[in-house]
């Protein structure tokens, strides 16, 4: 019984780790066209599942962190 619960929890975690284009546009507050342009220009980490694009939540967080802009006083913005 405990093994089944452990497998179910790991599957739920894996499902929450993967986002589709709709989830990503809602998360980034941008359009699908913007996401597709970034993917096409190899500026954004993505993979295909059939014809559909998928994104790992951890890759998206890393991508955002790499593009964080410094404020005028040299501190990072929140």
C-alpha atoms as a PDB file:
ATOM      1  CA  UNK A   1       0.000   0.000   0.000  1.00  0.00           C
ATOM      2  CA  UNK A   2       2.805   2.426   0.897  1.00  0.00           C
ATOM      3  CA  UNK A   3       4.554   1.639  -2.410  1.00  0.00           C
ATOM      4  CA  UNK A   4       1.434   2.567  -4.398  1.00  0.00           C
ATOM      5  CA  UNK A   5       1.135   5.836  -2.502  1.00  0.00           C
ATOM      6  CA  UNK A   6       4.824   6.605  -3.151  1.00  0.00           C
ATOM      7  CA  UNK A   7       4.436   5.931  -6.896  1.00  0.00           C
ATOM      8  CA  UNK A   8       1.266   8.043  -7.041  1.00  0.00           C
ATOM      9  CA  UNK A   9       3.040  10.947  -5.313  1.00  0.00           C
ATOM     10  CA  UNK A  10       6.007  10.782  -7.690  1.00  0.00           C
ATOM     11  CA  UNK A  11       3.669  10.743 -10.704  1.00  0.00           C
ATOM     12  CA  UNK A  12       1.791  13.759  -9.370  1.00  0.00           C
ATOM     13  CA  UNK A  13       5.087  15.597  -8.918  1.00  0.00           C
ATOM     14  CA  UNK A  14       6.152  14.729 -12.469  1.00  0.00           C
ATOM     15  CA  UNK A  15       2.845  15.953 -13.878  1.00  0.00           C
ATOM     16  CA  UNK A  16       3.174  19.271 -12.024  1.00  0.00           C
ATOM     17  CA  UNK A  17       6.714  19.663 -13.377  1.00  0.00           C
ATOM     18  CA  UNK A  18       5.546  19.698 -17.025  1.00  0.00           C
ATOM     19  CA  UNK A  19       3.651  22.643 -18.514  1.00  0.00           C
ATOM     20  CA  UNK A  20       2.016  23.034 -21.902  1.00  0.00           C
ATOM     21  CA  UNK A  21       1.910  26.235 -23.954  1.00  0.00           C
ATOM     22  CA  UNK A  22      -1.303  27.416 -22.300  1.00  0.00           C
ATOM     23  CA  UNK A  23       0.163  26.967 -18.805  1.00  0.00           C
ATOM     24  CA  UNK A  24       3.354  28.777 -19.801  1.00  0.00           C
ATOM     25  CA  UNK A  25       1.587  31.765 -21.355  1.00  0.00           C
ATOM     26  CA  UNK A  26      -0.486  32.145 -18.188  1.00  0.00           C
ATOM     27  CA  UNK A  27       2.639  31.842 -16.028  1.00  0.00           C
ATOM     28  CA  UNK A  28       4.652  34.399 -18.039  1.00  0.00           C
ATOM     29  CA  UNK A  29       1.693  36.671 -18.908  1.00  0.00           C
ATOM     30  CA  UNK A  30       2.577  36.663 -22.589  1.00  0.00           C
ATOM     31  CA  UNK A  31       1.038  35.474 -25.856  1.00  0.00           C
ATOM     32  CA  UNK A  32       1.470  32.103 -27.561  1.00  0.00           C
ATOM     33  CA  UNK A  33       3.161  33.898 -30.449  1.00  0.00           C
ATOM     34  CA  UNK A  34       5.892  35.130 -28.083  1.00  0.00           C
ATOM     35  CA  UNK A  35       6.464  31.629 -26.715  1.00  0.00           C
ATOM     36  CA  UNK A  36       6.585  30.097 -30.207  1.00  0.00           C
ATOM     37  CA  UNK A  37       9.040  32.790 -31.364  1.00  0.00           C
ATOM     38  CA  UNK A  38      11.395  32.092 -28.432  1.00  0.00           C
ATOM     39  CA  UNK A  39      11.244  28.350 -29.105  1.00  0.00           C
ATOM     40  CA  UNK A  40      11.794  28.786 -32.834  1.00  0.00           C
ATOM     41  CA  UNK A  41      14.874  30.967 -32.216  1.00  0.00           C
ATOM     42  CA  UNK A  42      16.201  28.424 -29.660  1.00  0.00           C
ATOM     43  CA  UNK A  43      16.023  31.043 -26.899  1.00  0.00           C
ATOM     44  CA  UNK A  44      13.728  29.002 -24.673  1.00  0.00           C
ATOM     45  CA  UNK A  45      14.025  25.430 -23.304  1.00  0.00           C
ATOM     46  CA  UNK A  46      11.257  23.221 -24.695  1.00  0.00           C
ATOM     47  CA  UNK A  47      10.606  19.728 -25.963  1.00  0.00           C
ATOM     48  CA  UNK A  48       7.976  18.179 -28.175  1.00  0.00           C
ATOM     49  CA  UNK A  49       5.476  15.528 -27.219  1.00  0.00           C
ATOM     50  CA  UNK A  50       4.077  14.591 -30.593  1.00  0.00           C
ATOM     51  CA  UNK A  51       3.262  17.914 -32.238  1.00  0.00           C
ATOM     52  CA  UNK A  52       2.776  19.734 -28.941  1.00  0.00           C
ATOM     53  CA  UNK A  53       5.366  21.780 -27.066  1.00  0.00           C
ATOM     54  CA  UNK A  54       6.060  21.022 -23.421  1.00  0.00           C
ATOM     55  CA  UNK A  55       8.146  22.906 -20.866  1.00  0.00           C
ATOM     56  CA  UNK A  56       9.753  21.816 -17.600  1.00  0.00           C
ATOM     57  CA  UNK A  57       8.877  24.137 -14.741  1.00  0.00           C
ATOM     58  CA  UNK A  58      12.465  23.947 -13.411  1.00  0.00           C
ATOM     59  CA  UNK A  59      13.857  24.965 -16.835  1.00  0.00           C
ATOM     60  CA  UNK A  60      11.452  27.913 -16.978  1.00  0.00           C
ATOM     61  CA  UNK A  61      12.532  29.091 -13.501  1.00  0.00           C
ATOM     62  CA  UNK A  62      16.186  28.831 -14.527  1.00  0.00           C
ATOM     63  CA  UNK A  63      15.504  30.705 -17.784  1.00  0.00           C
ATOM     64  CA  UNK A  64      13.792  33.511 -15.869  1.00  0.00           C
ATOM     65  CA  UNK A  65      16.629  33.726 -13.326  1.00  0.00           C
ATOM     66  CA  UNK A  66      19.223  34.010 -16.099  1.00  0.00           C
ATOM     67  CA  UNK A  67      17.386  36.968 -17.610  1.00  0.00           C
ATOM     68  CA  UNK A  68      16.775  38.886 -14.399  1.00  0.00           C
ATOM     69  CA  UNK A  69      17.571  42.565 -14.915  1.00  0.00           C
ATOM     70  CA  UNK A  70      19.686  44.578 -12.519  1.00  0.00           C
ATOM     71  CA  UNK A  71      18.181  47.743 -11.082  1.00  0.00           C
ATOM     72  CA  UNK A  72      19.824  51.125 -11.631  1.00  0.00           C
ATOM     73  CA  UNK A  73      21.517  50.978  -8.212  1.00  0.00           C
ATOM     74  CA  UNK A  74      23.159  47.643  -9.045  1.00  0.00           C
ATOM     75  CA  UNK A  75      20.804  45.486  -6.985  1.00  0.00           C
ATOM     76  CA  UNK A  76      18.789  42.718  -8.528  1.00  0.00           C
ATOM     77  CA  UNK A  77      15.089  43.341  -8.844  1.00  0.00           C
ATOM     78  CA  UNK A  78      12.661  41.039  -7.075  1.00  0.00           C
END
